[in-house]
Amino acid sequence: MLLFIPLKVWAWLASRFENRPFWVRATLVAMIGVIVGLGFFTFVYAGGFSYLSSDPESCANCHIMQDVYDGWNKSSHKAVAACADCHAPHDIVKKYAVKGINGVNHTLAFTFNTTHEPIQITSFNRQIVQDQCVYCHKELVQPISYESSEHPPDCLRCHARVGHDY
């Protein structure tokens, strides 16, 4: 996280502390070290590296996802799609951006106990799933015309349980 802070910000921050007593600078460095260390420990302890993979079992690391994982395990999509195939864009940069956004959101929801059981898809993620349905099934949905409709077709309206048979 600290690596993503622009160098100009680091230079400005360093200039603010260069004339301070040593103990102030040492305390600041120690505090930053503790924060980075705790963040890294939490990431590792929570199995954060597994979320960088496309292994469906990584989604079941969180107990709230166990029913969803079990449902996928029984679904018709198990043979052809893993979690990231439907829940993340296929473009590598967008895929990891979405994984990062969702990882932060899941961490905050778990930390502050704001998760809903059963888990509910957000509008952001619903659109991603819709886009992935079209990506894989374009030959089926391309002939569908919706220019005259106020709302484009929504695959999940009728096929919400296709990927998670529970």
N, C-alpha and C. Protein backbone atom coordinates (compact mmCIF):
# COMPACT_ATOMS: atom_id res chain seq x y z
N MET A 1 0.83 -1.19 0.00
CA MET A 1 0.00 0.00 0.00
C MET A 1 0.88 1.26 0.00
N LEU A 2 1.92 1.24 0.82
CA LEU A 2 2.80 2.41 0.89
C LEU A 2 3.56 2.63 -0.40
N LEU A 3 3.73 1.56 -1.17
CA LEU A 3 4.47 1.68 -2.42
C LEU A 3 3.70 2.49 -3.46
N PHE A 4 2.39 2.56 -3.31
CA PHE A 4 1.57 3.25 -4.28
C PHE A 4 1.46 4.76 -4.02
N ILE A 5 2.06 5.23 -2.95
CA ILE A 5 2.05 6.66 -2.65
C ILE A 5 3.09 7.32 -3.54
N PRO A 6 2.72 8.36 -4.29
CA PRO A 6 3.66 9.02 -5.21
C PRO A 6 4.92 9.52 -4.50
N LEU A 7 6.03 9.51 -5.23
CA LEU A 7 7.31 9.94 -4.66
C LEU A 7 7.27 11.38 -4.16
N LYS A 8 6.50 12.24 -4.83
CA LYS A 8 6.40 13.64 -4.39
C LYS A 8 5.82 13.72 -2.98
N VAL A 9 4.88 12.84 -2.68
CA VAL A 9 4.28 12.83 -1.34
C VAL A 9 5.32 12.39 -0.32
N TRP A 10 6.10 11.35 -0.66
CA TRP A 10 7.17 10.90 0.24
C TRP A 10 8.19 12.02 0.46
N ALA A 11 8.56 12.72 -0.60
CA ALA A 11 9.54 13.82 -0.48
C ALA A 11 8.98 14.93 0.41
N TRP A 12 7.71 15.26 0.22
CA TRP A 12 7.09 16.30 1.05
C TRP A 12 7.06 15.86 2.50
N LEU A 13 6.67 14.60 2.73
CA LEU A 13 6.59 14.08 4.10
C LEU A 13 7.98 14.08 4.75
N ALA A 14 9.00 13.65 4.00
CA ALA A 14 10.36 13.63 4.54
C ALA A 14 10.83 15.04 4.88
N SER A 15 10.49 16.02 4.04
CA SER A 15 10.91 17.40 4.30
C SER A 15 10.26 17.95 5.56
N ARG A 16 9.08 17.47 5.88
CA ARG A 16 8.39 17.94 7.08
C ARG A 16 9.06 17.44 8.36
N PHE A 17 9.86 16.37 8.25
CA PHE A 17 10.44 15.75 9.44
C PHE A 17 11.97 15.82 9.48
N GLU A 18 12.61 16.41 8.47
CA GLU A 18 14.07 16.39 8.44
C GLU A 18 14.70 17.23 9.55
N ASN A 19 14.03 18.26 10.03
CA ASN A 19 14.59 19.10 11.09
C ASN A 19 14.05 18.74 12.47
N ARG A 20 13.32 17.65 12.55
CA ARG A 20 12.76 17.20 13.83
C ARG A 20 13.81 16.40 14.60
N PRO A 21 13.64 16.31 15.91
CA PRO A 21 14.57 15.49 16.70
C PRO A 21 14.53 14.02 16.24
N PHE A 22 15.64 13.34 16.52
CA PHE A 22 15.76 11.95 16.09
C PHE A 22 14.62 11.09 16.62
N TRP A 23 14.24 11.28 17.88
CA TRP A 23 13.22 10.43 18.47
C TRP A 23 11.87 10.59 17.76
N VAL A 24 11.58 11.79 17.21
CA VAL A 24 10.33 12.00 16.47
C VAL A 24 10.38 11.20 15.17
N ARG A 25 11.51 11.30 14.47
CA ARG A 25 11.65 10.55 13.21
C ARG A 25 11.64 9.05 13.46
N ALA A 26 12.32 8.60 14.51
CA ALA A 26 12.36 7.17 14.84
C ALA A 26 10.96 6.67 15.20
N THR A 27 10.21 7.47 15.93
CA THR A 27 8.84 7.09 16.29
C THR A 27 7.97 6.97 15.05
N LEU A 28 8.11 7.92 14.14
CA LEU A 28 7.33 7.88 12.90
C LEU A 28 7.67 6.64 12.08
N VAL A 29 8.96 6.34 11.94
CA VAL A 29 9.38 5.15 11.20
C VAL A 29 8.85 3.89 11.88
N ALA A 30 8.93 3.85 13.21
CA ALA A 30 8.43 2.68 13.95
C ALA A 30 6.92 2.52 13.76
N MET A 31 6.18 3.62 13.81
CA MET A 31 4.72 3.55 13.63
C MET A 31 4.38 3.06 12.23
N ILE A 32 5.06 3.58 11.22
CA ILE A 32 4.82 3.13 9.85
C ILE A 32 5.17 1.65 9.73
N GLY A 33 6.27 1.25 10.34
CA GLY A 33 6.67 -0.16 10.31
C GLY A 33 5.64 -1.07 10.97
N VAL A 34 5.10 -0.64 12.10
CA VAL A 34 4.08 -1.44 12.79
C VAL A 34 2.82 -1.54 11.93
N ILE A 35 2.40 -0.44 11.34
CA ILE A 35 1.20 -0.45 10.50
C ILE A 35 1.39 -1.36 9.29
N VAL A 36 2.53 -1.23 8.61
CA VAL A 36 2.82 -2.08 7.45
C VAL A 36 2.92 -3.54 7.89
N GLY A 37 3.61 -3.78 9.00
CA GLY A 37 3.76 -5.14 9.50
C GLY A 37 2.43 -5.78 9.87
N LEU A 38 1.57 -5.04 10.56
CA LEU A 38 0.25 -5.56 10.91
C LEU A 38 -0.59 -5.81 9.66
N GLY A 39 -0.49 -4.91 8.71
CA GLY A 39 -1.24 -5.09 7.46
C GLY A 39 -0.78 -6.34 6.73
N PHE A 40 0.53 -6.53 6.64
CA PHE A 40 1.07 -7.72 5.97
C PHE A 40 0.69 -8.99 6.72
N PHE A 41 0.83 -8.96 8.06
CA PHE A 41 0.46 -10.12 8.87
C PHE A 41 -1.01 -10.48 8.67
N THR A 42 -1.87 -9.48 8.70
CA THR A 42 -3.30 -9.72 8.52
C THR A 42 -3.57 -10.31 7.15
N PHE A 43 -2.92 -9.77 6.12
CA PHE A 43 -3.09 -10.27 4.76
C PHE A 43 -2.69 -11.74 4.68
N VAL A 44 -1.53 -12.09 5.25
CA VAL A 44 -1.04 -13.47 5.21
C VAL A 44 -1.94 -14.37 6.06
N TYR A 45 -2.28 -13.93 7.27
CA TYR A 45 -3.10 -14.72 8.19
C TYR A 45 -4.47 -15.01 7.59
N ALA A 46 -5.02 -14.07 6.84
CA ALA A 46 -6.34 -14.23 6.22
C ALA A 46 -6.26 -15.01 4.91
N GLY A 47 -5.09 -15.48 4.55
CA GLY A 47 -4.95 -16.23 3.30
C GLY A 47 -5.03 -15.35 2.08
N GLY A 48 -4.58 -14.12 2.21
CA GLY A 48 -4.69 -13.14 1.13
C GLY A 48 -4.04 -13.56 -0.18
N PHE A 49 -2.92 -14.28 -0.10
CA PHE A 49 -2.25 -14.68 -1.34
C PHE A 49 -3.10 -15.65 -2.15
N SER A 50 -3.95 -16.43 -1.46
CA SER A 50 -4.79 -17.38 -2.19
C SER A 50 -5.80 -16.65 -3.08
N TYR A 51 -6.17 -15.43 -2.71
CA TYR A 51 -7.13 -14.68 -3.51
C TYR A 51 -6.53 -14.18 -4.82
N LEU A 52 -5.23 -14.23 -4.94
CA LEU A 52 -4.58 -13.83 -6.18
C LEU A 52 -4.67 -14.94 -7.22
N SER A 53 -5.03 -16.14 -6.78
CA SER A 53 -5.16 -17.26 -7.70
C SER A 53 -6.59 -17.30 -8.25
N SER A 54 -6.82 -18.27 -9.11
CA SER A 54 -8.18 -18.48 -9.62
C SER A 54 -8.76 -19.78 -9.07
N ASP A 55 -8.19 -20.27 -7.99
CA ASP A 55 -8.66 -21.51 -7.36
C ASP A 55 -9.97 -21.25 -6.63
N PRO A 56 -11.05 -21.94 -6.99
CA PRO A 56 -12.34 -21.71 -6.33
C PRO A 56 -12.31 -21.94 -4.83
N GLU A 57 -11.41 -22.80 -4.35
CA GLU A 57 -11.35 -23.04 -2.91
C GLU A 57 -10.93 -21.79 -2.14
N SER A 58 -10.23 -20.87 -2.79
CA SER A 58 -9.84 -19.64 -2.11
C SER A 58 -11.07 -18.81 -1.76
N CYS A 59 -12.13 -18.94 -2.55
CA CYS A 59 -13.36 -18.20 -2.26
C CYS A 59 -14.03 -18.73 -0.99
N ALA A 60 -13.78 -20.01 -0.68
CA ALA A 60 -14.38 -20.62 0.51
C ALA A 60 -13.55 -20.38 1.76
N ASN A 61 -12.47 -19.59 1.67
CA ASN A 61 -11.69 -19.25 2.86
C ASN A 61 -12.56 -18.54 3.89
N CYS A 62 -13.54 -17.81 3.40
CA CYS A 62 -14.42 -17.05 4.27
C CYS A 62 -15.68 -17.89 4.52
N HIS A 63 -16.06 -18.08 5.79
CA HIS A 63 -17.17 -18.99 6.10
C HIS A 63 -18.47 -18.58 5.42
N ILE A 64 -18.67 -17.29 5.21
CA ILE A 64 -19.91 -16.82 4.61
C ILE A 64 -20.04 -17.28 3.16
N MET A 65 -18.93 -17.66 2.54
CA MET A 65 -18.94 -18.10 1.15
C MET A 65 -19.07 -19.61 1.00
N GLN A 66 -19.10 -20.35 2.11
CA GLN A 66 -19.13 -21.82 2.01
C GLN A 66 -20.36 -22.33 1.26
N ASP A 67 -21.54 -21.80 1.54
CA ASP A 67 -22.75 -22.23 0.83
C ASP A 67 -22.66 -21.90 -0.66
N VAL A 68 -22.10 -20.75 -0.97
CA VAL A 68 -21.93 -20.34 -2.36
C VAL A 68 -20.97 -21.30 -3.06
N TYR A 69 -19.86 -21.61 -2.40
CA TYR A 69 -18.89 -22.56 -2.96
C TYR A 69 -19.52 -23.94 -3.15
N ASP A 70 -20.24 -24.42 -2.14
CA ASP A 70 -20.90 -25.72 -2.25
C ASP A 70 -21.92 -25.73 -3.39
N GLY A 71 -22.63 -24.61 -3.56
CA GLY A 71 -23.58 -24.50 -4.65
C GLY A 71 -22.90 -24.54 -6.01
N TRP A 72 -21.77 -23.85 -6.13
CA TRP A 72 -21.01 -23.91 -7.39
C TRP A 72 -20.52 -25.33 -7.64
N ASN A 73 -20.11 -26.02 -6.57
CA ASN A 73 -19.60 -27.38 -6.69
C ASN A 73 -20.64 -28.34 -7.25
N LYS A 74 -21.93 -28.04 -7.05
CA LYS A 74 -23.02 -28.88 -7.55
C LYS A 74 -23.60 -28.36 -8.87
N SER A 75 -23.15 -27.22 -9.33
CA SER A 75 -23.78 -26.57 -10.48
C SER A 75 -23.27 -27.11 -11.82
N SER A 76 -24.02 -26.78 -12.85
CA SER A 76 -23.64 -27.17 -14.21
C SER A 76 -22.40 -26.41 -14.68
N HIS A 77 -22.11 -25.27 -14.07
CA HIS A 77 -20.97 -24.46 -14.50
C HIS A 77 -19.63 -24.95 -13.93
N LYS A 78 -19.67 -25.84 -12.95
CA LYS A 78 -18.42 -26.29 -12.33
C LYS A 78 -17.44 -26.84 -13.36
N ALA A 79 -17.95 -27.55 -14.36
CA ALA A 79 -17.09 -28.17 -15.36
C ALA A 79 -16.48 -27.16 -16.33
N VAL A 80 -17.05 -25.96 -16.41
CA VAL A 80 -16.60 -25.01 -17.43
C VAL A 80 -16.15 -23.66 -16.89
N ALA A 81 -16.44 -23.36 -15.63
CA ALA A 81 -16.11 -22.03 -15.11
C ALA A 81 -15.78 -22.09 -13.62
N ALA A 82 -14.72 -21.40 -13.25
CA ALA A 82 -14.39 -21.21 -11.84
C ALA A 82 -14.92 -19.84 -11.42
N CYS A 83 -14.79 -19.51 -10.17
CA CYS A 83 -15.36 -18.26 -9.62
C CYS A 83 -14.95 -17.03 -10.44
N ALA A 84 -13.65 -16.90 -10.68
CA ALA A 84 -13.15 -15.71 -11.37
C ALA A 84 -13.63 -15.61 -12.81
N ASP A 85 -14.01 -16.74 -13.42
CA ASP A 85 -14.51 -16.70 -14.79
C ASP A 85 -15.81 -15.92 -14.89
N CYS A 86 -16.61 -15.96 -13.84
CA CYS A 86 -17.90 -15.25 -13.84
C CYS A 86 -17.85 -13.95 -13.02
N HIS A 87 -17.01 -13.92 -11.99
CA HIS A 87 -17.03 -12.80 -11.06
C HIS A 87 -15.89 -11.81 -11.23
N ALA A 88 -15.09 -11.97 -12.28
CA ALA A 88 -14.01 -11.02 -12.57
C ALA A 88 -13.87 -10.89 -14.08
N PRO A 89 -13.50 -9.71 -14.54
CA PRO A 89 -13.29 -9.52 -15.98
C PRO A 89 -12.17 -10.44 -16.48
N HIS A 90 -12.19 -10.74 -17.76
CA HIS A 90 -11.16 -11.59 -18.34
C HIS A 90 -9.86 -10.83 -18.62
N ASP A 91 -9.93 -9.51 -18.77
CA ASP A 91 -8.74 -8.68 -18.94
C ASP A 91 -7.92 -8.74 -17.65
N ILE A 92 -6.64 -9.05 -17.75
CA ILE A 92 -5.81 -9.30 -16.57
C ILE A 92 -5.73 -8.09 -15.64
N VAL A 93 -5.60 -6.89 -16.18
CA VAL A 93 -5.50 -5.69 -15.34
C VAL A 93 -6.83 -5.45 -14.62
N LYS A 94 -7.92 -5.50 -15.37
CA LYS A 94 -9.24 -5.29 -14.77
C LYS A 94 -9.56 -6.39 -13.76
N LYS A 95 -9.13 -7.62 -14.06
CA LYS A 95 -9.39 -8.75 -13.16
C LYS A 95 -8.79 -8.49 -11.78
N TYR A 96 -7.51 -8.10 -11.75
CA TYR A 96 -6.86 -7.89 -10.46
C TYR A 96 -7.30 -6.58 -9.80
N ALA A 97 -7.74 -5.62 -10.59
CA ALA A 97 -8.32 -4.40 -10.00
C ALA A 97 -9.62 -4.75 -9.29
N VAL A 98 -10.46 -5.56 -9.93
CA VAL A 98 -11.72 -5.97 -9.31
C VAL A 98 -11.45 -6.84 -8.09
N LYS A 99 -10.48 -7.75 -8.19
CA LYS A 99 -10.14 -8.58 -7.03
C LYS A 99 -9.66 -7.70 -5.87
N GLY A 100 -8.89 -6.67 -6.17
CA GLY A 100 -8.42 -5.76 -5.13
C GLY A 100 -9.56 -4.98 -4.49
N ILE A 101 -10.43 -4.43 -5.32
CA ILE A 101 -11.59 -3.68 -4.82
C ILE A 101 -12.45 -4.58 -3.94
N ASN A 102 -12.75 -5.78 -4.45
CA ASN A 102 -13.59 -6.69 -3.68
C ASN A 102 -12.89 -7.18 -2.42
N GLY A 103 -11.58 -7.38 -2.50
CA GLY A 103 -10.83 -7.80 -1.32
C GLY A 103 -10.91 -6.76 -0.21
N VAL A 104 -10.73 -5.50 -0.57
CA VAL A 104 -10.84 -4.43 0.43
C VAL A 104 -12.26 -4.36 0.98
N ASN A 105 -13.25 -4.43 0.09
CA ASN A 105 -14.64 -4.37 0.54
C ASN A 105 -15.00 -5.55 1.44
N HIS A 106 -14.54 -6.75 1.08
CA HIS A 106 -14.82 -7.92 1.91
C HIS A 106 -14.13 -7.81 3.26
N THR A 107 -12.90 -7.30 3.26
CA THR A 107 -12.16 -7.12 4.51
C THR A 107 -12.89 -6.15 5.43
N LEU A 108 -13.32 -5.02 4.87
CA LEU A 108 -14.04 -4.03 5.68
C LEU A 108 -15.36 -4.60 6.20
N ALA A 109 -16.10 -5.30 5.34
CA ALA A 109 -17.38 -5.87 5.75
C ALA A 109 -17.19 -6.91 6.85
N PHE A 110 -16.16 -7.74 6.72
CA PHE A 110 -15.90 -8.74 7.74
C PHE A 110 -15.42 -8.09 9.04
N THR A 111 -14.50 -7.14 8.92
CA THR A 111 -13.94 -6.48 10.10
C THR A 111 -15.01 -5.75 10.90
N PHE A 112 -15.91 -5.06 10.20
CA PHE A 112 -16.93 -4.27 10.88
C PHE A 112 -18.27 -4.99 10.97
N ASN A 113 -18.27 -6.29 10.65
CA ASN A 113 -19.45 -7.15 10.78
C ASN A 113 -20.67 -6.58 10.06
N THR A 114 -20.48 -6.18 8.81
CA THR A 114 -21.59 -5.62 8.04
C THR A 114 -21.99 -6.55 6.89
N THR A 115 -21.56 -7.81 6.96
CA THR A 115 -21.92 -8.76 5.91
C THR A 115 -23.36 -9.21 6.09
N HIS A 116 -24.02 -9.49 4.99
CA HIS A 116 -25.38 -10.00 5.02
C HIS A 116 -25.32 -11.50 4.79
N GLU A 117 -26.08 -12.24 5.58
CA GLU A 117 -26.16 -13.68 5.35
C GLU A 117 -27.58 -14.02 4.97
N PRO A 118 -27.82 -14.67 3.85
CA PRO A 118 -26.80 -15.09 2.90
C PRO A 118 -26.21 -13.88 2.18
N ILE A 119 -25.00 -14.06 1.70
CA ILE A 119 -24.29 -12.97 1.04
C ILE A 119 -25.07 -12.50 -0.18
N GLN A 120 -25.03 -11.21 -0.43
CA GLN A 120 -25.78 -10.62 -1.54
C GLN A 120 -24.80 -9.95 -2.50
N ILE A 121 -25.08 -10.07 -3.78
CA ILE A 121 -24.22 -9.47 -4.79
C ILE A 121 -24.51 -7.97 -4.88
N THR A 122 -23.46 -7.17 -5.02
CA THR A 122 -23.63 -5.72 -5.17
C THR A 122 -23.94 -5.40 -6.63
N SER A 123 -24.44 -4.21 -6.88
CA SER A 123 -24.74 -3.82 -8.26
C SER A 123 -23.46 -3.78 -9.10
N PHE A 124 -22.35 -3.37 -8.50
CA PHE A 124 -21.05 -3.37 -9.20
C PHE A 124 -20.69 -4.77 -9.67
N ASN A 125 -20.78 -5.74 -8.76
CA ASN A 125 -20.43 -7.12 -9.11
C ASN A 125 -21.48 -7.79 -9.99
N ARG A 126 -22.72 -7.39 -9.83
CA ARG A 126 -23.78 -7.93 -10.69
C ARG A 126 -23.51 -7.57 -12.15
N GLN A 127 -23.06 -6.35 -12.38
CA GLN A 127 -22.74 -5.92 -13.75
C GLN A 127 -21.56 -6.71 -14.31
N ILE A 128 -20.58 -7.00 -13.46
CA ILE A 128 -19.44 -7.80 -13.90
C ILE A 128 -19.91 -9.20 -14.30
N VAL A 129 -20.77 -9.81 -13.48
CA VAL A 129 -21.29 -11.14 -13.81
C VAL A 129 -22.07 -11.09 -15.12
N GLN A 130 -22.91 -10.07 -15.27
CA GLN A 130 -23.68 -9.91 -16.51
C GLN A 130 -22.73 -9.83 -17.72
N ASP A 131 -21.68 -9.04 -17.59
CA ASP A 131 -20.72 -8.90 -18.69
C ASP A 131 -20.04 -10.24 -19.01
N GLN A 132 -19.76 -11.04 -17.97
CA GLN A 132 -19.10 -12.33 -18.20
C GLN A 132 -20.07 -13.34 -18.81
N CYS A 133 -21.35 -13.26 -18.47
CA CYS A 133 -22.36 -14.11 -19.13
C CYS A 133 -22.33 -13.84 -20.63
N VAL A 134 -22.36 -12.57 -20.99
CA VAL A 134 -22.36 -12.18 -22.40
C VAL A 134 -21.04 -12.59 -23.06
N TYR A 135 -19.93 -12.45 -22.34
CA TYR A 135 -18.62 -12.82 -22.88
C TYR A 135 -18.60 -14.30 -23.30
N CYS A 136 -19.11 -15.17 -22.44
CA CYS A 136 -19.07 -16.61 -22.74
C CYS A 136 -20.21 -17.07 -23.64
N HIS A 137 -21.34 -16.39 -23.58
CA HIS A 137 -22.53 -16.83 -24.32
C HIS A 137 -22.93 -15.84 -25.40
N LYS A 138 -21.95 -15.15 -25.97
CA LYS A 138 -22.27 -14.10 -26.94
C LYS A 138 -23.05 -14.62 -28.15
N GLU A 139 -22.79 -15.87 -28.56
CA GLU A 139 -23.52 -16.40 -29.71
C GLU A 139 -25.01 -16.58 -29.41
N LEU A 140 -25.36 -16.71 -28.14
CA LEU A 140 -26.76 -16.84 -27.76
C LEU A 140 -27.44 -15.49 -27.57
N VAL A 141 -26.71 -14.53 -27.04
CA VAL A 141 -27.34 -13.24 -26.70
C VAL A 141 -27.17 -12.18 -27.77
N GLN A 142 -26.25 -12.38 -28.70
CA GLN A 142 -26.05 -11.38 -29.76
C GLN A 142 -27.32 -11.12 -30.57
N PRO A 143 -28.09 -12.16 -30.90
CA PRO A 143 -29.30 -11.91 -31.70
C PRO A 143 -30.39 -11.14 -30.95
N ILE A 144 -30.26 -11.03 -29.62
CA ILE A 144 -31.29 -10.34 -28.84
C ILE A 144 -31.13 -8.84 -29.02
N SER A 145 -32.18 -8.20 -29.47
CA SER A 145 -32.16 -6.76 -29.67
C SER A 145 -32.86 -6.09 -28.49
N TYR A 146 -32.21 -5.11 -27.92
CA TYR A 146 -32.83 -4.41 -26.79
C TYR A 146 -32.72 -2.90 -26.93
N GLU A 147 -32.42 -2.42 -28.12
CA GLU A 147 -32.31 -0.97 -28.32
C GLU A 147 -33.61 -0.26 -28.00
N SER A 148 -34.74 -0.91 -28.28
CA SER A 148 -36.03 -0.26 -28.04
C SER A 148 -36.45 -0.37 -26.58
N SER A 149 -35.78 -1.23 -25.83
CA SER A 149 -36.14 -1.43 -24.44
C SER A 149 -35.42 -0.40 -23.55
N GLU A 150 -36.11 -0.01 -22.50
CA GLU A 150 -35.50 0.94 -21.55
C GLU A 150 -34.37 0.26 -20.77
N HIS A 151 -34.55 -1.02 -20.48
CA HIS A 151 -33.56 -1.77 -19.72
C HIS A 151 -33.04 -2.93 -20.57
N PRO A 152 -31.73 -3.07 -20.70
CA PRO A 152 -31.19 -4.19 -21.46
C PRO A 152 -31.49 -5.51 -20.75
N PRO A 153 -31.43 -6.62 -21.46
CA PRO A 153 -31.68 -7.91 -20.83
C PRO A 153 -30.73 -8.14 -19.65
N ASP A 154 -31.23 -8.82 -18.64
CA ASP A 154 -30.46 -9.11 -17.44
C ASP A 154 -30.44 -10.63 -17.25
N CYS A 155 -29.31 -11.25 -17.53
CA CYS A 155 -29.20 -12.71 -17.45
C CYS A 155 -29.57 -13.23 -16.06
N LEU A 156 -29.17 -12.48 -15.03
CA LEU A 156 -29.38 -12.95 -13.66
C LEU A 156 -30.84 -12.91 -13.23
N ARG A 157 -31.66 -12.16 -13.94
CA ARG A 157 -33.07 -12.10 -13.58
C ARG A 157 -33.70 -13.50 -13.67
N CYS A 158 -33.33 -14.24 -14.71
CA CYS A 158 -33.89 -15.58 -14.92
C CYS A 158 -32.92 -16.70 -14.55
N HIS A 159 -31.64 -16.41 -14.60
CA HIS A 159 -30.63 -17.47 -14.44
C HIS A 159 -29.76 -17.25 -13.21
N ALA A 160 -30.31 -16.72 -12.15
CA ALA A 160 -29.52 -16.37 -10.97
C ALA A 160 -28.85 -17.57 -10.32
N ARG A 161 -29.44 -18.74 -10.41
CA ARG A 161 -28.91 -19.92 -9.73
C ARG A 161 -28.06 -20.82 -10.63
N VAL A 162 -27.82 -20.42 -11.85
CA VAL A 162 -27.07 -21.27 -12.78
C VAL A 162 -25.68 -21.59 -12.24
N GLY A 163 -24.97 -20.62 -11.74
CA GLY A 163 -23.61 -20.84 -11.26
C GLY A 163 -23.53 -21.35 -9.84
N HIS A 164 -24.62 -21.22 -9.09
CA HIS A 164 -24.64 -21.63 -7.68
C HIS A 164 -25.94 -22.37 -7.41
N ASP A 165 -25.91 -23.67 -7.55
CA ASP A 165 -27.10 -24.49 -7.41
C ASP A 165 -27.38 -24.79 -5.93
N TYR A 166 -27.95 -23.81 -5.23
CA TYR A 166 -28.30 -24.03 -3.82
C TYR A 166 -29.62 -23.37 -3.51
